[in-house]
Amino acid sequence: MNSPAAPEYRTDVLTGLVSLIAPARSARPSARHPEPHISRTDDPFAEGAEAETPNESFAVRKPGTAPNTPGWNLRVVPNRYPAVVPITASVSDVDKPPAASEFFPTAAARGAHEVVIECPDSRSRLADLSLVEITQVLLAWRQRVQHLSESGEYQSLAVFRNEGFSAGASLAHCHSQIMATQTLTPLDQQRHQFAVGYQQRTGRELLMDLAEAELSAGERVIMKTADFIVMCPFASRAPWQVRFIPLLSAPAFFSEASDHCLSELARLLKQTINALEVALEGEFSFNLILPHPRLDQPPQYRWMLELLPRIGRHAGWEYLSNVEIVTVAPEYAAETLRELIKAT
């Protein structure tokens, strides 16, 4: 059987686990050992290399500069190697997934996949961006989330950032990605079900009650402001995992977050990354993920930002059980980061 030409979801009938089969992604530039600074001539995201990317969907530009030319501070472009079929694309009969069967459940993977190029030069680390630049990135996320949400075409939306080879980065240049899909992922469905079930039982919001419980316990809290609680999750999925939970003063949808809220998040994020670099004794690979409430219904849970350092590996047990072995207790991680941030 030939590989599918278009991305498709496949479900394993033995476990219920879903995979997104997207062979075209294998054509991405592969940077097995990305250098901290790659040359401008080899960097398709650098200023002056605009022809190396699809036309920009959004940009923060210097006055008087034209789209897809130099003179920008941040650009958003469609992903050249998308993990989903754009909903505007016509899918030929050859590209259509085979009819689903009892043993081979399959569904077309359609949506939008964008890249946020976070700076015009070849910096590779979020820690190297200024507070103003990180805020600019978050504001661009908000703009694109708002645009994709308002289209009415998608159920699920997420923002993510892979920094370092161990976190899945294929290019060193600072960038993040946004994916919107027409179907909910299993984890989206689970988040929604947990939140709805809790709300029906208690009349309250699960994430807000969890935040209050963590504040009462105190031992996993790193920082608290008027808008956020920063903490290490009780059942962390990775060593040194950190969650940034917006409190009731922030809206449930990320697209409605205020400039002040995102400026505060940028500050907390930069402080946390700087502290992690001290705790981990240098640069580290990490994933930054922003799961978002489903778009086709009133929100039952709110967005949050999660930082997952990638300092370990998945091995046999993790694949066998889908249970992570976490080698750093979240209580220790939170105490360490709390003290490091206080000392700055």
Protein backbone atom coordinates (compact mmCIF):
# COMPACT_ATOMS: atom_id res chain seq x y z
CA MET A 1 0.00 0.00 0.00
CA ASN A 2 1.36 3.45 -0.91
CA SER A 3 1.81 6.15 1.69
CA PRO A 4 -1.15 8.55 1.89
CA ALA A 5 -0.50 11.68 -0.17
CA ALA A 6 -2.61 13.85 2.15
CA PRO A 7 -2.42 13.90 5.96
CA GLU A 8 -4.93 11.65 7.70
CA TYR A 9 -5.89 10.61 11.20
CA ARG A 10 -5.63 6.90 11.99
CA THR A 11 -6.97 5.19 15.11
CA ASP A 12 -5.44 2.06 16.63
CA VAL A 13 -8.40 -0.20 17.39
CA LEU A 14 -6.43 -2.00 20.15
CA THR A 15 -5.75 1.13 22.23
CA GLY A 16 -7.93 3.93 20.86
CA LEU A 17 -4.80 6.05 20.37
CA VAL A 18 -4.86 8.35 17.34
CA SER A 19 -1.94 9.17 15.03
CA LEU A 20 -1.71 11.91 12.43
CA ILE A 21 0.00 10.37 9.40
CA ALA A 22 1.63 13.22 7.44
CA PRO A 23 4.44 11.89 5.21
CA ALA A 24 5.04 15.25 3.51
CA ARG A 25 6.42 16.53 6.82
CA SER A 26 9.49 14.32 6.26
CA ALA A 27 10.64 16.84 3.62
CA ARG A 28 11.22 19.53 6.27
CA PRO A 29 14.74 20.86 6.76
CA SER A 30 16.36 18.55 9.28
CA ALA A 31 18.70 20.16 11.75
CA ARG A 32 19.91 17.25 13.85
CA HIS A 33 22.38 19.49 15.65
CA PRO A 34 21.18 23.05 15.12
CA GLU A 35 23.85 25.63 15.83
CA PRO A 36 23.01 28.41 18.32
CA HIS A 37 23.46 30.89 15.47
CA ILE A 38 23.00 29.77 11.88
CA SER A 39 24.22 31.84 8.98
CA ARG A 40 21.79 34.23 7.33
CA THR A 41 22.48 32.66 3.92
CA ASP A 42 21.30 29.26 5.18
CA ASP A 43 18.32 30.54 7.18
CA PRO A 44 15.00 30.51 5.26
CA PHE A 45 13.36 32.53 8.04
CA ALA A 46 15.91 35.37 8.08
CA GLU A 47 15.16 38.87 6.86
CA GLY A 48 16.03 39.03 3.17
CA ALA A 49 14.96 35.41 2.55
CA GLU A 50 11.23 36.19 2.23
CA ALA A 51 11.08 34.33 -1.11
CA GLU A 52 11.96 31.11 0.77
CA THR A 53 8.59 31.11 2.57
CA PRO A 54 4.96 31.27 1.41
CA ASN A 55 3.43 34.76 1.35
CA GLU A 56 2.88 36.23 4.78
CA SER A 57 -0.56 36.12 6.41
CA PHE A 58 0.36 38.73 9.01
CA ALA A 59 3.41 40.80 9.86
CA VAL A 60 4.68 43.46 12.22
CA ARG A 61 6.50 45.80 9.84
CA LYS A 62 8.42 49.04 9.74
CA PRO A 63 6.33 51.87 8.21
CA GLY A 64 6.42 51.99 4.42
CA THR A 65 7.63 48.43 3.83
CA ALA A 66 5.71 46.11 1.52
CA PRO A 67 4.52 42.58 2.36
CA ASN A 68 7.03 39.80 1.69
CA THR A 69 10.01 42.18 1.64
CA PRO A 70 12.63 43.09 4.25
CA GLY A 71 11.68 45.56 6.96
CA TRP A 72 9.73 43.37 9.36
CA ASN A 73 10.02 42.49 13.03
CA LEU A 74 7.76 39.40 12.98
CA ARG A 75 6.04 37.44 10.19
CA VAL A 76 3.33 34.77 10.07
CA VAL A 77 3.32 32.47 7.02
CA PRO A 78 1.54 29.24 6.06
CA ASN A 79 3.67 26.22 6.92
CA ARG A 80 5.42 24.96 3.79
CA TYR A 81 5.18 21.42 5.16
CA PRO A 82 1.74 21.38 6.80
CA ALA A 83 0.61 18.54 9.05
CA VAL A 84 -2.97 19.08 7.82
CA VAL A 85 -4.58 19.70 4.43
CA PRO A 86 -5.63 23.36 4.10
CA ILE A 87 -9.42 23.55 4.04
CA THR A 88 -9.19 25.69 0.91
CA ALA A 89 -7.33 22.96 -0.98
CA SER A 90 -9.17 20.53 -3.20
CA VAL A 91 -8.33 16.94 -2.37
CA SER A 92 -8.32 14.66 -5.38
CA ASP A 93 -9.75 11.16 -5.29
CA VAL A 94 -6.17 9.86 -5.11
CA ASP A 95 -5.50 11.94 -2.00
CA LYS A 96 -8.69 11.04 -0.18
CA PRO A 97 -8.18 8.60 2.67
CA PRO A 98 -9.64 5.16 2.10
CA ALA A 99 -13.09 4.49 3.45
CA ALA A 100 -12.94 3.80 7.17
CA SER A 101 -13.33 0.19 8.19
CA GLU A 102 -13.72 -1.65 11.46
CA PHE A 103 -10.01 -2.34 11.76
CA PHE A 104 -8.59 0.69 9.94
CA PRO A 105 -10.47 3.80 11.13
CA THR A 106 -9.34 6.78 9.06
CA ALA A 107 -10.37 10.42 8.72
CA ALA A 108 -9.10 13.31 6.63
CA ALA A 109 -6.89 15.78 8.51
CA ARG A 110 -7.97 19.22 7.34
CA GLY A 111 -7.23 22.59 8.89
CA ALA A 112 -4.68 25.40 8.95
CA HIS A 113 -1.01 25.24 9.90
CA GLU A 114 0.95 28.50 10.29
CA VAL A 115 4.48 29.46 11.32
CA VAL A 116 5.20 32.53 13.45
CA ILE A 117 8.72 33.78 12.62
CA GLU A 118 9.55 35.59 15.83
CA CYS A 119 12.52 37.76 14.83
CA PRO A 120 14.24 38.88 11.60
CA ASP A 121 17.75 37.79 12.64
CA SER A 122 19.01 34.29 13.30
CA ARG A 123 18.54 34.04 17.05
CA SER A 124 17.47 30.58 18.12
CA ARG A 125 16.41 30.89 21.76
CA LEU A 126 13.35 32.47 23.33
CA ALA A 127 15.62 33.57 26.19
CA ASP A 128 17.53 35.75 23.69
CA LEU A 129 14.42 37.75 22.80
CA SER A 130 13.69 40.93 24.72
CA LEU A 131 10.59 41.31 26.85
CA VAL A 132 9.14 43.57 24.14
CA GLU A 133 9.81 40.90 21.50
CA ILE A 134 8.24 38.10 23.56
CA THR A 135 5.18 40.28 24.13
CA GLN A 136 5.06 40.89 20.37
CA VAL A 137 5.06 37.12 19.78
CA LEU A 138 2.14 36.62 22.19
CA LEU A 139 0.22 39.47 20.54
CA ALA A 140 0.77 37.82 17.14
CA TRP A 141 -0.51 34.52 18.53
CA ARG A 142 -3.62 36.33 19.72
CA GLN A 143 -4.18 37.96 16.33
CA ARG A 144 -3.91 34.65 14.45
CA VAL A 145 -6.01 32.75 17.00
CA GLN A 146 -8.67 35.44 16.67
CA HIS A 147 -8.54 35.28 12.86
CA LEU A 148 -8.78 31.49 12.74
CA SER A 149 -11.50 31.38 15.39
CA GLU A 150 -13.66 33.91 13.57
CA SER A 151 -13.58 31.90 10.34
CA GLY A 152 -16.03 29.38 11.83
CA GLU A 153 -14.20 26.56 10.06
CA TYR A 154 -12.47 24.90 13.00
CA GLN A 155 -13.29 23.04 16.21
CA SER A 156 -9.82 22.76 17.69
CA LEU A 157 -6.90 25.17 17.89
CA ALA A 158 -3.50 25.07 19.54
CA VAL A 159 -0.27 27.05 19.60
CA PHE A 160 3.08 25.38 20.18
CA ARG A 161 6.77 26.14 20.10
CA ASN A 162 9.60 23.62 19.77
CA GLU A 163 13.02 24.85 20.89
CA GLY A 164 16.01 22.58 20.41
CA PHE A 165 16.42 19.27 18.59
CA SER A 166 15.20 17.22 21.55
CA ALA A 167 11.94 19.20 21.45
CA GLY A 168 11.38 18.52 17.74
CA ALA A 169 12.72 21.73 16.18
CA SER A 170 13.75 21.30 12.54
CA LEU A 171 15.10 24.87 12.20
CA ALA A 172 17.07 26.81 14.79
CA HIS A 173 15.60 30.24 13.99
CA CYS A 174 13.13 31.42 16.67
CA HIS A 175 9.67 30.39 15.55
CA SER A 176 6.40 28.95 16.83
CA GLN A 177 3.44 27.27 15.15
CA ILE A 178 -0.35 27.46 15.18
CA MET A 179 -2.62 24.60 14.11
CA ALA A 180 -6.40 24.73 13.73
CA THR A 181 -8.30 21.57 12.82
CA GLN A 182 -11.83 20.64 11.91
CA THR A 183 -11.92 17.79 14.41
CA LEU A 184 -11.08 17.57 18.09
CA THR A 185 -8.03 15.61 19.13
CA PRO A 186 -8.66 12.91 21.75
CA LEU A 187 -6.96 15.07 24.38
CA ASP A 188 -9.17 18.04 23.43
CA GLN A 189 -12.20 15.80 23.88
CA GLN A 190 -10.91 14.58 27.24
CA ARG A 191 -10.23 18.11 28.51
CA HIS A 192 -13.71 19.15 27.45
CA GLN A 193 -15.36 16.11 29.05
CA PHE A 194 -13.51 16.55 32.36
CA ALA A 195 -14.39 20.26 32.50
CA VAL A 196 -18.05 19.71 31.56
CA GLY A 197 -18.42 16.83 34.02
CA TYR A 198 -16.96 18.89 36.86
CA GLN A 199 -19.14 21.89 36.01
CA GLN A 200 -22.26 19.72 35.96
CA ARG A 201 -21.41 18.19 39.34
CA THR A 202 -20.35 21.36 41.13
CA GLY A 203 -21.49 24.35 39.09
CA ARG A 204 -17.89 25.57 39.17
CA GLU A 205 -14.93 25.82 36.79
CA LEU A 206 -12.40 22.99 37.13
CA LEU A 207 -9.26 24.95 36.25
CA MET A 208 -10.13 27.80 38.62
CA ASP A 209 -10.83 25.41 41.50
CA LEU A 210 -7.56 23.61 40.76
CA ALA A 211 -5.72 26.95 40.87
CA GLU A 212 -7.33 27.76 44.24
CA ALA A 213 -6.37 24.32 45.59
CA GLU A 214 -2.78 24.79 44.45
CA LEU A 215 -2.64 28.23 46.06
CA SER A 216 -3.92 26.72 49.31
CA ALA A 217 -1.34 23.93 49.18
CA GLY A 218 1.39 26.37 48.19
CA GLU A 219 4.21 23.87 47.68
CA ARG A 220 3.99 23.75 43.87
CA VAL A 221 3.35 27.48 43.30
CA ILE A 222 6.23 29.46 41.82
CA MET A 223 4.60 32.89 41.40
CA LYS A 224 1.18 34.53 41.59
CA THR A 225 0.05 37.85 40.13
CA ALA A 226 -3.37 39.45 39.70
CA ASP A 227 -3.76 37.65 36.37
CA PHE A 228 -1.77 34.39 36.65
CA ILE A 229 -0.65 31.56 38.84
CA VAL A 230 2.65 29.97 37.76
CA MET A 231 3.10 26.46 39.15
CA CYS A 232 4.48 22.98 38.60
CA PRO A 233 1.61 20.51 38.01
CA PHE A 234 0.87 17.93 40.71
CA ALA A 235 1.04 15.12 38.10
CA SER A 236 3.76 16.63 35.91
CA ARG A 237 4.34 14.97 32.54
CA ALA A 238 7.97 16.10 32.35
CA PRO A 239 10.70 17.12 34.82
CA TRP A 240 10.49 20.86 35.58
CA GLN A 241 7.15 21.26 33.77
CA VAL A 242 5.58 24.67 34.43
CA ARG A 243 1.99 25.85 33.90
CA PHE A 244 0.89 29.46 33.50
CA ILE A 245 -2.81 29.52 34.43
CA PRO A 246 -4.84 32.67 33.75
CA LEU A 247 -7.08 33.54 36.66
CA LEU A 248 -10.67 34.79 36.52
CA SER A 249 -9.48 38.28 35.62
CA ALA A 250 -8.42 36.86 32.22
CA PRO A 251 -10.92 35.72 29.55
CA ALA A 252 -11.42 32.04 28.75
CA PHE A 253 -10.53 32.47 25.06
CA PHE A 254 -6.93 33.43 24.27
CA SER A 255 -8.19 35.60 21.40
CA GLU A 256 -9.78 37.90 24.01
CA ALA A 257 -6.73 38.29 26.26
CA SER A 258 -5.82 41.93 26.87
CA ASP A 259 -2.53 43.58 25.94
CA HIS A 260 -1.79 43.96 29.67
CA CYS A 261 -2.48 40.25 30.29
CA LEU A 262 -0.10 39.17 27.52
CA SER A 263 2.57 41.63 28.61
CA GLU A 264 2.37 40.12 32.10
CA LEU A 265 2.56 36.59 30.67
CA ALA A 266 5.66 37.54 28.66
CA ARG A 267 7.36 38.79 31.83
CA LEU A 268 6.50 35.64 33.78
CA LEU A 269 7.62 33.41 30.91
CA LYS A 270 10.97 35.15 30.57
CA GLN A 271 11.58 34.99 34.33
CA THR A 272 10.76 31.29 34.37
CA ILE A 273 13.01 30.41 31.42
CA ASN A 274 15.90 32.37 32.94
CA ALA A 275 15.43 30.49 36.23
CA LEU A 276 15.25 27.15 34.45
CA GLU A 277 18.53 27.86 32.66
CA VAL A 278 20.15 28.37 36.06
CA ALA A 279 18.53 25.28 37.56
CA LEU A 280 19.47 23.12 34.57
CA GLU A 281 22.94 24.69 34.29
CA GLY A 282 22.61 26.01 30.76
CA GLU A 283 20.47 25.99 27.64
CA PHE A 284 17.79 23.31 27.37
CA SER A 285 15.30 22.06 24.81
CA PHE A 286 11.64 22.61 25.59
CA ASN A 287 8.13 22.63 24.20
CA LEU A 288 5.82 25.53 24.85
CA ILE A 289 2.16 24.60 24.30
CA LEU A 290 -1.08 26.53 24.52
CA PRO A 291 -4.13 24.24 24.49
CA HIS A 292 -7.29 26.19 23.77
CA PRO A 293 -11.00 25.65 24.50
CA ARG A 294 -12.96 24.11 21.63
CA LEU A 295 -14.17 26.79 19.27
CA ASP A 296 -17.65 25.53 18.39
CA GLN A 297 -19.20 25.85 21.87
CA PRO A 298 -19.17 28.27 24.82
CA PRO A 299 -15.93 27.65 26.75
CA GLN A 300 -16.08 25.04 29.49
CA TYR A 301 -12.40 25.48 30.30
CA ARG A 302 -9.92 28.27 29.67
CA TRP A 303 -6.64 28.47 27.84
CA MET A 304 -3.33 28.09 29.64
CA LEU A 305 0.33 27.97 28.69
CA GLU A 306 2.58 25.03 29.51
CA LEU A 307 6.37 24.77 29.37
CA LEU A 308 7.78 21.25 29.14
CA PRO A 309 11.58 20.90 29.28
CA ARG A 310 12.83 17.97 27.20
CA ILE A 311 15.68 16.68 29.31
CA GLY A 312 14.72 13.01 29.26
CA ARG A 313 13.53 10.49 26.67
CA HIS A 314 10.54 8.33 26.02
CA ALA A 315 11.57 4.72 26.46
CA GLY A 316 9.82 1.36 26.48
CA TRP A 317 7.73 1.93 29.62
CA GLU A 318 6.32 5.26 28.40
CA TYR A 319 5.28 3.82 25.04
CA LEU A 320 3.93 0.66 26.66
CA SER A 321 1.86 2.35 29.34
CA ASN A 322 1.34 5.96 28.20
CA VAL A 323 2.49 6.84 31.73
CA GLU A 324 5.46 9.18 32.16
CA ILE A 325 8.29 8.48 34.59
CA VAL A 326 9.19 11.93 35.94
CA THR A 327 12.57 12.09 37.68
CA VAL A 328 12.13 15.50 39.36
CA ALA A 329 9.33 15.98 41.88
CA PRO A 330 7.22 19.05 41.04
CA GLU A 331 7.45 20.22 44.66
CA TYR A 332 11.26 20.32 44.41
CA ALA A 333 11.14 21.99 41.00
CA ALA A 334 8.74 24.68 42.23
CA GLU A 335 10.78 25.40 45.36
CA THR A 336 13.99 25.67 43.34
CA LEU A 337 12.49 27.99 40.72
CA ARG A 338 10.75 30.07 43.40
CA GLU A 339 14.04 30.68 45.19
CA LEU A 340 15.95 31.43 41.98
CA ILE A 341 13.36 33.99 40.88
CA LYS A 342 13.32 35.62 44.32
CA ALA A 343 17.10 35.96 44.13
CA THR A 344 17.00 37.95 40.86
